[in-house]
Amino acid sequence: MFTSLKHWLATLDKEGQLFEHADSEVIHIALASLLYHIISADNVENSREKNEFKHIMANEFNLSEQQIMVLYRYVKTLKSDLKSDLLTVNDYLKDNPNLRMTLMRKLNQLISVDGVDNEELNIFYEAMKVIFPDIAQQLTDR
């Protein structure tokens, strides 16, 4: 019991520990694609959003700037489905509510870089429905 509690406390401060199998290319692409959905939602890409994208990807996966930019260009041309990306990200997330909240905080950080747009908010709410379905259900039941 103490070991699991110690492990849980240790994960609270480690932002780079959100995902199981963080070395998998699948989660790299899914998270990058999810972030790009947010960046492109307002049809404007700017350097602040790109920098936040780089920051998130570097913190989560210890990727070099070159690797991140290759990934950015790849997901930019990818015609991925938001729901599929969210489901993949959710499948790889560790089963820890605090870490799940950290992911939502990172999405919120990216959304707020250049002002909040309704399309960006819709993506955030979709993410919340997938990451925290019980909470999303409670909110819609009211």
Protein backbone atom coordinates (compact mmCIF):
# COMPACT_ATOMS: atom_id res chain seq x y z
CA MET A 1 0.00 0.00 0.00
CA PHE A 2 2.75 2.47 0.90
CA THR A 3 4.56 1.70 -2.34
CA SER A 4 1.51 2.52 -4.47
CA LEU A 5 0.87 5.70 -2.47
CA LYS A 6 4.51 6.71 -2.90
CA HIS A 7 4.27 6.04 -6.64
CA TRP A 8 1.08 8.11 -6.89
CA LEU A 9 2.66 11.03 -5.05
CA ALA A 10 5.75 10.84 -7.25
CA THR A 11 3.63 11.07 -10.41
CA LEU A 12 1.88 14.23 -9.26
CA ASP A 13 4.90 16.40 -10.02
CA LYS A 14 6.08 14.70 -13.20
CA GLU A 15 4.43 16.38 -16.16
CA GLY A 16 6.30 14.10 -18.57
CA GLN A 17 4.67 11.01 -17.10
CA LEU A 18 1.16 11.28 -18.52
CA PHE A 19 1.27 8.32 -20.85
CA GLU A 20 1.87 4.61 -20.72
CA HIS A 21 4.29 3.50 -23.46
CA ALA A 22 5.37 7.10 -24.10
CA ASP A 23 7.97 5.87 -26.57
CA SER A 24 5.26 4.65 -28.97
CA GLU A 25 4.97 6.51 -32.25
CA VAL A 26 1.19 6.06 -32.10
CA ILE A 27 0.79 8.26 -29.03
CA HIS A 28 3.24 10.83 -30.44
CA ILE A 29 1.13 11.18 -33.58
CA ALA A 30 -2.20 11.13 -31.73
CA LEU A 31 -1.20 13.83 -29.25
CA ALA A 32 0.45 15.94 -31.94
CA SER A 33 -2.65 15.62 -34.08
CA LEU A 34 -4.93 16.55 -31.18
CA LEU A 35 -2.81 19.62 -30.49
CA TYR A 36 -2.83 20.53 -34.18
CA HIS A 37 -6.64 20.30 -34.22
CA ILE A 38 -6.60 23.06 -31.60
CA ILE A 39 -3.99 25.13 -33.42
CA SER A 40 -5.84 24.99 -36.72
CA ALA A 41 -9.35 25.41 -35.28
CA ASP A 42 -9.33 29.18 -35.80
CA ASN A 43 -7.62 28.88 -39.22
CA VAL A 44 -4.63 30.83 -37.90
CA GLU A 45 -1.28 29.28 -37.01
CA ASN A 46 1.10 31.51 -35.16
CA SER A 47 4.53 31.14 -33.61
CA ARG A 48 3.20 31.25 -30.03
CA GLU A 49 0.95 28.25 -30.69
CA LYS A 50 3.80 26.44 -32.43
CA ASN A 51 6.08 27.13 -29.47
CA GLU A 52 3.48 25.80 -27.03
CA PHE A 53 3.12 22.70 -29.25
CA LYS A 54 6.90 22.22 -29.14
CA HIS A 55 6.95 22.70 -25.38
CA ILE A 56 4.21 20.13 -24.76
CA MET A 57 5.73 17.54 -27.10
CA ALA A 58 9.23 18.04 -25.70
CA ASN A 59 8.01 17.69 -22.10
CA GLU A 60 5.91 14.63 -22.78
CA PHE A 61 8.23 12.64 -25.00
CA ASN A 62 11.71 14.19 -24.71
CA LEU A 63 11.78 14.77 -28.46
CA SER A 64 14.31 17.06 -30.10
CA GLU A 65 13.13 20.21 -31.83
CA GLN A 66 13.88 18.59 -35.19
CA GLN A 67 11.76 15.53 -34.32
CA ILE A 68 8.95 17.77 -33.12
CA MET A 69 8.96 19.82 -36.30
CA VAL A 70 8.91 16.69 -38.47
CA LEU A 71 5.94 15.51 -36.44
CA TYR A 72 4.27 18.94 -36.73
CA ARG A 73 4.61 18.95 -40.51
CA TYR A 74 3.32 15.38 -40.66
CA VAL A 75 0.17 16.00 -38.62
CA LYS A 76 -0.42 19.24 -40.52
CA THR A 77 -0.91 17.19 -43.70
CA LEU A 78 -2.72 14.37 -41.92
CA LYS A 79 -6.49 14.33 -42.25
CA SER A 80 -7.11 12.67 -38.90
CA ASP A 81 -10.38 12.44 -37.07
CA LEU A 82 -10.54 14.36 -33.78
CA LYS A 83 -12.54 11.63 -32.05
CA SER A 84 -10.02 8.93 -33.07
CA ASP A 85 -7.13 11.06 -31.84
CA LEU A 86 -8.90 11.64 -28.53
CA LEU A 87 -9.64 7.95 -28.08
CA THR A 88 -6.02 7.04 -28.82
CA VAL A 89 -4.70 9.64 -26.39
CA ASN A 90 -7.15 8.43 -23.77
CA ASP A 91 -6.10 4.79 -24.30
CA TYR A 92 -2.48 5.72 -23.59
CA LEU A 93 -3.17 7.96 -20.60
CA LYS A 94 -2.20 6.55 -17.27
CA ASP A 95 -5.15 5.71 -15.07
CA ASN A 96 -4.64 8.61 -12.72
CA PRO A 97 -7.19 11.46 -12.50
CA ASN A 98 -4.49 14.00 -11.62
CA LEU A 99 -2.54 13.14 -14.75
CA ARG A 100 -5.69 13.30 -16.82
CA MET A 101 -6.31 16.78 -15.42
CA THR A 102 -2.75 17.69 -16.36
CA LEU A 103 -3.52 16.78 -19.98
CA MET A 104 -6.62 18.95 -19.88
CA ARG A 105 -4.54 21.78 -18.43
CA LYS A 106 -2.06 21.44 -21.31
CA LEU A 107 -4.91 21.61 -23.83
CA ASN A 108 -6.22 24.68 -22.03
CA GLN A 109 -2.75 26.28 -22.16
CA LEU A 110 -2.61 25.81 -25.91
CA ILE A 111 -6.12 27.12 -26.41
CA SER A 112 -5.43 30.27 -24.40
CA VAL A 113 -2.19 31.21 -26.21
CA ASP A 114 -3.91 33.62 -28.59
CA GLY A 115 -7.39 34.00 -27.17
CA VAL A 116 -10.14 31.46 -26.97
CA ASP A 117 -12.17 30.61 -30.05
CA ASN A 118 -15.48 28.69 -30.02
CA GLU A 119 -14.03 25.91 -32.18
CA GLU A 120 -11.12 25.51 -29.77
CA LEU A 121 -13.55 25.35 -26.87
CA ASN A 122 -15.54 22.68 -28.69
CA ILE A 123 -12.38 20.58 -29.00
CA PHE A 124 -11.68 21.07 -25.30
CA TYR A 125 -15.21 19.94 -24.40
CA GLU A 126 -14.90 16.92 -26.71
CA ALA A 127 -11.65 16.04 -24.96
CA MET A 128 -13.36 16.35 -21.60
CA LYS A 129 -16.12 13.98 -22.75
CA VAL A 130 -13.54 11.36 -23.68
CA ILE A 131 -11.08 11.86 -20.82
CA PHE A 132 -13.72 12.33 -18.09
CA PRO A 133 -16.95 10.80 -19.45
CA ASP A 134 -18.61 10.56 -16.04
CA ILE A 135 -18.12 14.27 -15.33
CA ALA A 136 -19.26 15.26 -18.82
CA GLN A 137 -22.38 13.14 -18.37
CA GLN A 138 -23.15 14.78 -15.02
CA LEU A 139 -22.87 18.20 -16.61
CA THR A 140 -25.25 17.32 -19.44
CA ASP A 141 -27.75 15.71 -17.06
CA ARG A 142 -28.24 19.01 -15.21
